[in-house]
Protein backbone atom coordinates (compact mmCIF):
# COMPACT_ATOMS: atom_id res chain seq x y z
CA MET A 1 -13.53 61.21 -20.48
CA LYS A 2 -10.45 62.48 -18.65
CA TYR A 3 -12.58 64.20 -16.02
CA ILE A 4 -14.64 61.04 -15.49
CA LEU A 5 -11.48 59.01 -14.81
CA ILE A 6 -10.17 61.66 -12.42
CA LEU A 7 -13.50 61.72 -10.57
CA THR A 8 -13.58 57.93 -10.34
CA PHE A 9 -10.04 57.85 -8.98
CA ALA A 10 -10.89 60.52 -6.43
CA LEU A 11 -13.91 58.57 -5.27
CA LEU A 12 -11.79 55.45 -4.86
CA LEU A 13 -9.29 57.34 -2.76
CA ASN A 14 -12.09 58.84 -0.71
CA GLY A 15 -13.56 55.36 -0.20
CA CYS A 16 -10.25 54.08 1.10
CA ALA A 17 -10.07 57.01 3.46
CA ILE A 18 -13.55 56.27 4.74
CA PHE A 19 -13.38 52.50 5.02
CA GLY A 20 -9.63 51.96 5.42
CA ASP A 21 -8.08 48.57 6.03
CA PRO A 22 -10.78 45.91 6.76
CA THR A 23 -8.74 44.73 9.74
CA GLU A 24 -8.73 48.24 11.22
CA PHE A 25 -12.02 47.59 12.98
CA ASP A 26 -10.98 44.22 14.41
CA ASP A 27 -11.51 44.57 18.16
CA THR A 28 -8.44 42.42 18.80
CA LYS A 29 -6.02 44.50 16.76
CA GLY A 30 -2.78 44.91 18.66
CA TRP A 31 -3.73 42.43 21.35
CA THR A 32 -1.22 39.94 22.69
CA ALA A 33 -1.78 36.21 22.34
CA GLU A 34 -2.48 35.98 26.05
CA ARG A 35 -5.15 38.66 25.96
CA ILE A 36 -6.95 37.06 23.00
CA TYR A 37 -6.83 33.71 24.78
CA GLN A 38 -8.24 35.26 27.96
CA GLU A 39 -11.11 36.79 25.99
CA GLY A 40 -11.81 33.41 24.42
CA GLU A 41 -11.84 31.82 27.85
CA ALA A 42 -14.22 34.48 29.10
CA LYS A 43 -16.60 33.70 26.25
CA MET A 44 -16.34 30.02 27.13
CA ARG A 45 -17.40 30.80 30.69
CA ASP A 46 -20.32 32.80 29.30
CA LYS A 47 -21.21 29.80 27.11
CA ASP A 48 -20.84 31.97 24.03
CA TYR A 49 -19.05 29.20 22.17
CA ASP A 50 -19.27 30.74 18.70
CA LYS A 51 -17.53 33.90 19.88
CA ALA A 52 -14.97 31.85 21.79
CA ILE A 53 -14.16 29.87 18.67
CA THR A 54 -13.73 33.13 16.77
CA TYR A 55 -11.23 34.43 19.34
CA PHE A 56 -9.29 31.16 19.36
CA GLY A 57 -9.19 31.18 15.56
CA LYS A 58 -7.78 34.72 15.51
CA LEU A 59 -5.20 33.78 18.11
CA GLU A 60 -3.96 30.80 16.12
CA SER A 61 -3.80 32.68 12.82
CA ARG A 62 -1.98 35.62 14.40
CA TYR A 63 0.34 33.70 16.76
CA PRO A 64 0.58 30.19 15.24
CA ASN A 65 3.75 29.14 17.04
CA GLY A 66 3.11 30.36 20.54
CA ARG A 67 2.12 28.26 23.52
CA PHE A 68 -1.36 29.79 23.52
CA ALA A 69 -2.01 28.58 19.96
CA ALA A 70 -1.90 24.92 20.93
CA GLN A 71 -4.19 25.52 23.88
CA ALA A 72 -6.54 27.49 21.65
CA GLN A 73 -6.79 24.51 19.31
CA LEU A 74 -7.73 22.27 22.20
CA GLU A 75 -10.24 24.80 23.52
CA THR A 76 -11.78 24.98 20.05
CA ALA A 77 -12.39 21.24 20.14
CA TYR A 78 -14.02 21.59 23.56
CA ALA A 79 -16.19 24.48 22.36
CA GLN A 80 -17.40 22.38 19.43
CA TYR A 81 -18.17 19.57 21.88
CA LYS A 82 -20.21 21.95 24.04
CA LYS A 83 -22.04 23.09 20.91
CA GLN A 84 -22.94 19.43 20.36
CA ASP A 85 -21.23 19.36 16.99
CA PRO A 86 -19.42 15.99 17.06
CA VAL A 87 -18.10 16.26 13.51
CA LEU A 88 -16.28 19.55 14.09
CA CYS A 89 -15.20 18.46 17.57
CA VAL A 90 -13.58 15.29 16.21
CA ALA A 91 -11.96 17.26 13.38
CA ALA A 92 -10.48 19.77 15.85
CA ALA A 93 -9.30 17.01 18.21
CA ASP A 94 -7.72 15.06 15.35
CA ARG A 95 -5.94 18.20 14.17
CA PHE A 96 -4.55 18.81 17.66
CA ILE A 97 -3.37 15.19 17.93
CA LYS A 98 -1.67 15.40 14.55
CA LEU A 99 0.04 18.72 15.28
CA HIS A 100 0.98 18.00 18.90
CA PRO A 101 1.44 14.23 19.37
CA ASN A 102 3.70 14.80 22.39
CA HIS A 103 1.71 17.57 24.05
CA ALA A 104 1.07 17.16 27.77
CA ASN A 105 -2.68 17.34 27.16
CA VAL A 106 -2.93 15.15 24.09
CA ASP A 107 -4.68 12.49 26.20
CA TYR A 108 -7.50 14.99 26.72
CA ALA A 109 -7.83 15.38 22.94
CA TYR A 110 -8.37 11.63 22.63
CA TYR A 111 -10.87 11.71 25.49
CA LEU A 112 -12.78 14.63 23.98
CA LYS A 113 -12.88 12.89 20.61
CA GLY A 114 -14.26 9.72 22.18
CA LEU A 115 -16.86 11.70 24.13
CA ALA A 116 -18.06 13.55 21.06
CA VAL A 117 -18.79 10.32 19.21
CA PHE A 118 -20.10 8.62 22.35
CA ASN A 119 -22.81 11.26 22.73
CA GLU A 120 -23.63 11.45 19.03
CA ARG A 121 -27.25 10.68 18.21
CA GLY A 122 -29.21 11.51 15.11
CA VAL A 123 -32.37 13.62 15.09
CA ILE A 124 -34.57 10.60 14.36
CA GLU A 125 -33.01 8.66 17.24
CA LYS A 126 -33.65 11.50 19.68
CA LEU A 127 -37.26 11.93 18.60
CA THR A 128 -38.11 8.22 18.60
CA GLU A 129 -35.90 7.25 21.58
CA GLN A 130 -34.55 4.47 19.40
CA GLN A 131 -32.90 1.61 21.27
CA VAL A 132 -29.15 1.05 21.05
CA SER A 133 -29.65 -2.36 19.46
CA ASP A 134 -31.62 -0.77 16.62
CA ARG A 135 -29.06 1.92 15.88
CA ASP A 136 -26.18 2.03 13.43
CA PRO A 137 -23.26 0.83 15.60
CA ARG A 138 -20.55 2.75 13.74
CA ALA A 139 -20.53 5.70 16.13
CA PHE A 140 -20.22 3.38 19.13
CA GLN A 141 -17.44 1.44 17.41
CA ASP A 142 -15.53 4.64 16.64
CA SER A 143 -15.94 5.81 20.22
CA PHE A 144 -14.79 2.46 21.58
CA VAL A 145 -11.68 2.50 19.37
CA THR A 146 -10.81 6.06 20.46
CA PHE A 147 -11.22 5.30 24.16
CA LYS A 148 -9.20 2.11 23.72
CA GLU A 149 -6.40 4.09 22.08
CA LEU A 150 -6.46 6.56 24.99
CA VAL A 151 -6.28 3.80 27.62
CA THR A 152 -3.58 1.92 25.72
CA ARG A 153 -1.37 4.93 25.01
CA TYR A 154 -1.91 6.73 28.30
CA PRO A 155 -2.85 4.18 30.98
CA ASN A 156 -2.02 6.67 33.75
CA SER A 157 -4.13 9.46 32.27
CA ARG A 158 -6.66 11.10 34.57
CA TYR A 159 -9.24 10.24 31.89
CA ALA A 160 -8.35 6.55 31.63
CA LYS A 161 -10.76 5.38 34.35
CA ASP A 162 -13.78 7.11 32.86
CA ALA A 163 -12.79 5.99 29.36
CA THR A 164 -12.58 2.38 30.58
CA GLN A 165 -16.04 2.57 32.13
CA ARG A 166 -17.44 3.96 28.91
CA MET A 167 -15.73 1.16 26.98
CA VAL A 168 -17.60 -1.39 29.12
CA TYR A 169 -20.90 0.29 28.30
CA LEU A 170 -20.00 0.50 24.61
CA ALA A 171 -18.94 -3.15 24.47
CA ASN A 172 -22.21 -4.22 26.08
CA SER A 173 -24.19 -2.05 23.70
CA LEU A 174 -22.34 -3.34 20.65
CA SER A 175 -22.82 -6.88 21.90
CA GLU A 176 -26.56 -6.28 22.23
CA HIS A 177 -26.65 -4.92 18.69
CA GLU A 178 -25.01 -8.08 17.34
CA LEU A 179 -27.47 -10.26 19.29
CA HIS A 180 -30.37 -8.22 17.97
CA VAL A 181 -29.25 -9.03 14.43
CA ALA A 182 -28.57 -12.68 15.33
CA ARG A 183 -32.13 -13.08 16.66
CA TYR A 184 -33.46 -11.64 13.43
CA TYR A 185 -31.43 -14.16 11.41
CA MET A 186 -32.66 -17.00 13.59
CA LYS A 187 -36.26 -16.03 12.95
CA ARG A 188 -35.52 -15.79 9.23
CA GLN A 189 -33.94 -19.26 9.48
CA THR A 190 -30.62 -17.99 8.12
CA TYR A 191 -28.68 -19.93 10.70
CA VAL A 192 -25.16 -19.51 9.34
CA ALA A 193 -25.55 -15.73 9.48
CA ALA A 194 -26.90 -16.02 13.03
CA VAL A 195 -23.88 -18.10 14.07
CA ASN A 196 -21.49 -15.54 12.61
CA ARG A 197 -23.11 -12.72 14.59
CA ALA A 198 -23.15 -14.73 17.80
CA LYS A 199 -19.51 -15.80 17.35
CA TYR A 200 -18.57 -12.15 16.91
CA VAL A 201 -19.99 -11.41 20.36
CA VAL A 202 -18.06 -14.29 21.95
CA GLU A 203 -14.78 -13.33 20.27
CA TYR A 204 -14.84 -9.53 20.52
CA TYR A 205 -16.98 -8.87 23.61
CA PRO A 206 -16.08 -11.81 25.88
CA GLN A 207 -16.81 -9.86 29.08
CA SER A 208 -20.27 -8.69 28.03
CA PRO A 209 -23.47 -10.15 29.52
CA GLY A 210 -24.54 -11.13 26.01
CA VAL A 211 -22.04 -13.98 25.71
CA GLU A 212 -24.41 -16.47 27.37
CA GLU A 213 -27.17 -15.75 24.89
CA ALA A 214 -24.68 -15.80 22.02
CA LEU A 215 -23.67 -19.34 22.99
CA VAL A 216 -27.32 -20.38 23.20
CA ILE A 217 -27.97 -19.00 19.72
CA MET A 218 -24.92 -20.82 18.36
CA ILE A 219 -26.04 -24.12 19.92
CA SER A 220 -29.54 -23.68 18.50
CA ALA A 221 -28.26 -22.80 15.05
CA TYR A 222 -25.76 -25.69 14.99
CA ASP A 223 -28.54 -28.06 16.00
CA LEU A 224 -30.79 -26.84 13.22
CA LEU A 225 -27.89 -27.16 10.77
CA SER A 226 -27.21 -30.72 12.06
CA LEU A 227 -23.65 -29.79 13.00
CA GLU A 228 -23.45 -32.10 16.03
CA ASP A 229 -19.75 -31.68 16.82
CA LEU A 230 -19.95 -27.89 16.85
CA LYS A 231 -23.14 -28.02 18.89
CA THR A 232 -21.54 -30.35 21.46
CA ASP A 233 -18.40 -28.21 21.76
CA THR A 234 -20.41 -25.03 22.21
CA LEU A 235 -22.69 -26.69 24.74
CA ARG A 236 -19.63 -27.72 26.75
CA ILE A 237 -18.46 -24.09 26.78
CA LEU A 238 -21.88 -22.98 27.98
CA GLN A 239 -21.90 -25.61 30.76
CA THR A 240 -18.43 -24.64 31.91
CA ASN A 241 -18.95 -20.88 31.96
CA TYR A 242 -22.65 -20.67 32.77
CA PRO A 243 -23.57 -23.68 34.92
CA ASN A 244 -26.74 -21.91 36.06
CA SER A 245 -27.91 -21.02 32.57
CA ALA A 246 -31.64 -21.39 31.89
CA MET A 247 -30.68 -23.62 28.99
CA LEU A 248 -29.28 -26.16 31.46
CA GLY A 249 -32.01 -25.86 34.10
CA LYS A 250 -35.47 -27.31 34.56
CA GLY A 251 -36.81 -25.49 31.54
CA ALA A 252 -34.49 -27.29 29.15
CA PRO A 253 -36.39 -29.66 26.83
CA SER A 254 -35.69 -33.38 27.07
CA ASP A 255 -35.88 -33.71 23.32
CA GLU A 256 -32.67 -32.23 21.95
CA ARG A 257 -34.30 -31.64 18.58
CA ILE A 258 -36.39 -28.78 19.99
CA TRP A 259 -33.49 -26.43 20.67
CA TRP A 260 -34.91 -23.76 18.41
CA LYS A 261 -38.32 -23.78 20.08
CA PHE A 262 -36.66 -23.52 23.48
CA TRP A 263 -34.54 -20.58 22.35
CA GLU A 264 -37.58 -18.85 20.85
CA SER A 265 -39.55 -19.22 24.09
CA LEU A 266 -36.93 -17.23 26.00
CA TYR A 267 -37.86 -14.05 24.17
């Protein structure tokens, strides 16, 4: 038994001699933070994002307090964005924002986070080319909120202009989604629900092209609900803001009780 134990111990020692420390074969052993960062950047240029993320991870774990560590965190978020992994990109950007709220490039972290969600589309949506109005609006809402935070916090950021333009697109898309649902409610004759959706467009997306239609839907729904005062007030708003609206032109019915049929004929 004694000889077996001695042999086992000898084999263990021999194994250590053969394999050594697992970190011994790390190709970055002994490298400076700057060199690891440069290698990560080189992998980024080669579009080898997985390897770049590995280098940036090693840099941060080995030199957590250096100036390269913060930049590595930001580069990791960008690499995840290029890999089209919005979840990990947002997580990395959020981590950078939390750890470095006063960093000179924190505005870029917000921008990257907004972009990741802005471009997010599910597999089914890509295959079916699903329309924006048919999609779950949560991703667009999250992107809008992130871009709005960027523009509000850093109005002079180099990314503010592009973020603002994307916000316009997002607002119009979200407005169209609400109208899509409002039309559905109108056809189902659930007029109160249709009014609520249309009012949401008027209140939260007042600059979107969908406001005119939202007012038309509200007028139609109020008419069908026999809410004359609300219908008259909304009609006045439509006349003031959209004097050339089709609702007010030659196509408008003379019989005010056919509002719903007129609205339906527009689509």
